[in-house]
C-alpha atoms as a PDB file:
ATOM      1  CA  MET A   1      16.922   4.419  14.855  1.00  0.00           C
ATOM      2  CA  ARG A   2      13.585   4.217  16.671  1.00  0.00           C
ATOM      3  CA  LEU A   3      13.521   7.972  17.087  1.00  0.00           C
ATOM      4  CA  LEU A   4      14.102   8.425  13.372  1.00  0.00           C
ATOM      5  CA  MET A   5      11.277   6.006  12.555  1.00  0.00           C
ATOM      6  CA  LEU A   6       8.939   7.829  14.954  1.00  0.00           C
ATOM      7  CA  LEU A   7       9.830  11.162  13.377  1.00  0.00           C
ATOM      8  CA  VAL A   8       9.203   9.818   9.877  1.00  0.00           C
ATOM      9  CA  LEU A   9       5.907   8.243  10.974  1.00  0.00           C
ATOM     10  CA  GLY A  10       4.826  11.501  12.616  1.00  0.00           C
ATOM     11  CA  PHE A  11       5.730  13.451   9.487  1.00  0.00           C
ATOM     12  CA  VAL A  12       3.744  11.054   7.280  1.00  0.00           C
ATOM     13  CA  ALA A  13       0.770  11.307   9.651  1.00  0.00           C
ATOM     14  CA  LEU A  14       0.987  15.106   9.537  1.00  0.00           C
ATOM     15  CA  LEU A  15       1.076  15.004   5.739  1.00  0.00           C
ATOM     16  CA  GLY A  16      -1.986  12.744   5.759  1.00  0.00           C
ATOM     17  CA  VAL A  17      -3.953  15.070   8.023  1.00  0.00           C
ATOM     18  CA  THR A  18      -3.087  18.139   5.976  1.00  0.00           C
ATOM     19  CA  PHE A  19      -3.874  16.298   2.739  1.00  0.00           C
ATOM     20  CA  ALA A  20      -7.289  15.298   4.076  1.00  0.00           C
ATOM     21  CA  SER A  21      -8.069  18.811   5.263  1.00  0.00           C
ATOM     22  CA  LEU A  22      -7.019  20.400   1.967  1.00  0.00           C
ATOM     23  CA  ASN A  23      -9.098  17.920  -0.067  1.00  0.00           C
ATOM     24  CA  ALA A  24     -12.299  17.738   1.959  1.00  0.00           C
ATOM     25  CA  GLU A  25     -14.575  18.447  -1.006  1.00  0.00           C
ATOM     26  CA  SER A  26     -16.911  15.642  -2.002  1.00  0.00           C
ATOM     27  CA  VAL A  27     -16.812  14.117  -5.469  1.00  0.00           C
ATOM     28  CA  VAL A  28     -19.460  12.004  -7.131  1.00  0.00           C
ATOM     29  CA  VAL A  29     -18.353   8.471  -8.025  1.00  0.00           C
ATOM     30  CA  HIS A  30     -20.501   6.548 -10.507  1.00  0.00           C
ATOM     31  CA  TYR A  31     -20.401   2.804  -9.815  1.00  0.00           C
ATOM     32  CA  TYR A  32     -21.936   0.203 -12.080  1.00  0.00           C
ATOM     33  CA  ILE A  33     -24.834  -0.187  -9.661  1.00  0.00           C
ATOM     34  CA  GLY A  34     -25.130   3.279  -8.170  1.00  0.00           C
ATOM     35  CA  ILE A  35     -23.740   6.702  -7.356  1.00  0.00           C
ATOM     36  CA  GLN A  36     -21.865   7.716  -4.187  1.00  0.00           C
ATOM     37  CA  LYS A  37     -20.537  11.042  -2.876  1.00  0.00           C
ATOM     38  CA  ILE A  38     -17.106  10.526  -1.296  1.00  0.00           C
ATOM     39  CA  PRO A  39     -14.560  13.042   0.039  1.00  0.00           C
ATOM     40  CA  LEU A  40     -11.768  13.477  -2.486  1.00  0.00           C
ATOM     41  CA  SER A  41      -9.057  12.607   0.045  1.00  0.00           C
ATOM     42  CA  ALA A  42     -10.804   9.330   0.964  1.00  0.00           C
ATOM     43  CA  LEU A  43     -11.104   8.439  -2.708  1.00  0.00           C
ATOM     44  CA  VAL A  44      -7.418   9.114  -3.395  1.00  0.00           C
ATOM     45  CA  VAL A  45      -6.292   7.136  -0.339  1.00  0.00           C
ATOM     46  CA  GLY A  46      -8.655   4.292  -1.216  1.00  0.00           C
ATOM     47  CA  VAL A  47      -7.348   4.078  -4.778  1.00  0.00           C
ATOM     48  CA  LEU A  48      -3.766   4.180  -3.470  1.00  0.00           C
ATOM     49  CA  VAL A  49      -4.448   1.306  -1.060  1.00  0.00           C
ATOM     50  CA  LEU A  50      -6.198  -0.660  -3.811  1.00  0.00           C
ATOM     51  CA  GLY A  51      -3.194  -0.160  -6.095  1.00  0.00           C
ATOM     52  CA  VAL A  52      -0.774  -1.350  -3.406  1.00  0.00           C
ATOM     53  CA  LEU A  53      -2.892  -4.455  -2.771  1.00  0.00           C
ATOM     54  CA  ILE A  54      -3.095  -5.261  -6.488  1.00  0.00           C
ATOM     55  CA  GLY A  55       0.678  -4.795  -6.785  1.00  0.00           C
ATOM     56  CA  LEU A  56       1.321  -7.110  -3.847  1.00  0.00           C
ATOM     57  CA  LEU A  57      -1.002  -9.746  -5.254  1.00  0.00           C
ATOM     58  CA  ALA A  58       0.645  -9.492  -8.662  1.00  0.00           C
ATOM     59  CA  SER A  59       4.156  -9.878  -7.199  1.00  0.00           C
ATOM     60  CA  PHE A  60       3.241 -12.644  -4.743  1.00  0.00           C
ATOM     61  CA  PRO A  61       3.869 -15.571  -7.147  1.00  0.00           C
ATOM     62  CA  VAL A  62       7.311 -14.225  -8.069  1.00  0.00           C
ATOM     63  CA  ILE A  63       8.251 -13.667  -4.417  1.00  0.00           C
ATOM     64  CA  LEU A  64       7.086 -17.163  -3.494  1.00  0.00           C
ATOM     65  CA  GLN A  65       9.044 -18.666  -6.386  1.00  0.00           C
ATOM     66  CA  LEU A  66      12.215 -16.801  -5.379  1.00  0.00           C
ATOM     67  CA  LYS A  67      11.868 -17.877  -1.738  1.00  0.00           C
ATOM     68  CA  MET A  68      11.538 -21.505  -2.809  1.00  0.00           C
ATOM     69  CA  LYS A  69      14.619 -21.172  -5.019  1.00  0.00           C
ATOM     70  CA  LEU A  70      16.597 -19.575  -2.167  1.00  0.00           C
ATOM     71  CA  ARG A  71      15.584 -22.372   0.201  1.00  0.00           C
ATOM     72  CA  ARG A  72      16.601 -24.997  -2.379  1.00  0.00           C
ATOM     73  CA  LEU A  73      19.985 -23.327  -2.984  1.00  0.00           C
ATOM     74  CA  SER A  74      20.727 -22.980   0.725  1.00  0.00           C
ATOM     75  CA  ARG A  75      19.980 -26.703   1.203  1.00  0.00           C
ATOM     76  CA  GLN A  76      22.337 -27.534  -1.641  1.00  0.00           C
ATOM     77  CA  LYS A  77      25.038 -25.364  -0.093  1.00  0.00           C
ATOM     78  CA  MET A  78      24.683 -27.107   3.276  1.00  0.00           C
ATOM     79  CA  GLU A  79      25.049 -30.513   1.620  1.00  0.00           C
ATOM     80  CA  HIS A  80      28.369 -29.577   0.012  1.00  0.00           C
END
């Protein structure tokens, strides 16, 4: 199982390196307070990471609520 995980991780790393090398061109990003030139691959990865973080933050209350419900139900099961 560890070997499989290492192979998958190596493959993902290889994809990341090739993606970065194929998208090395800089793009101009206009912020509200300025302008910045950023490599396209860095911009795409940054937006992906930002999307994952926003998704995790949005799902956090639901996950916390479900964990509390699971804990409450397991306590009830132990009592009976």
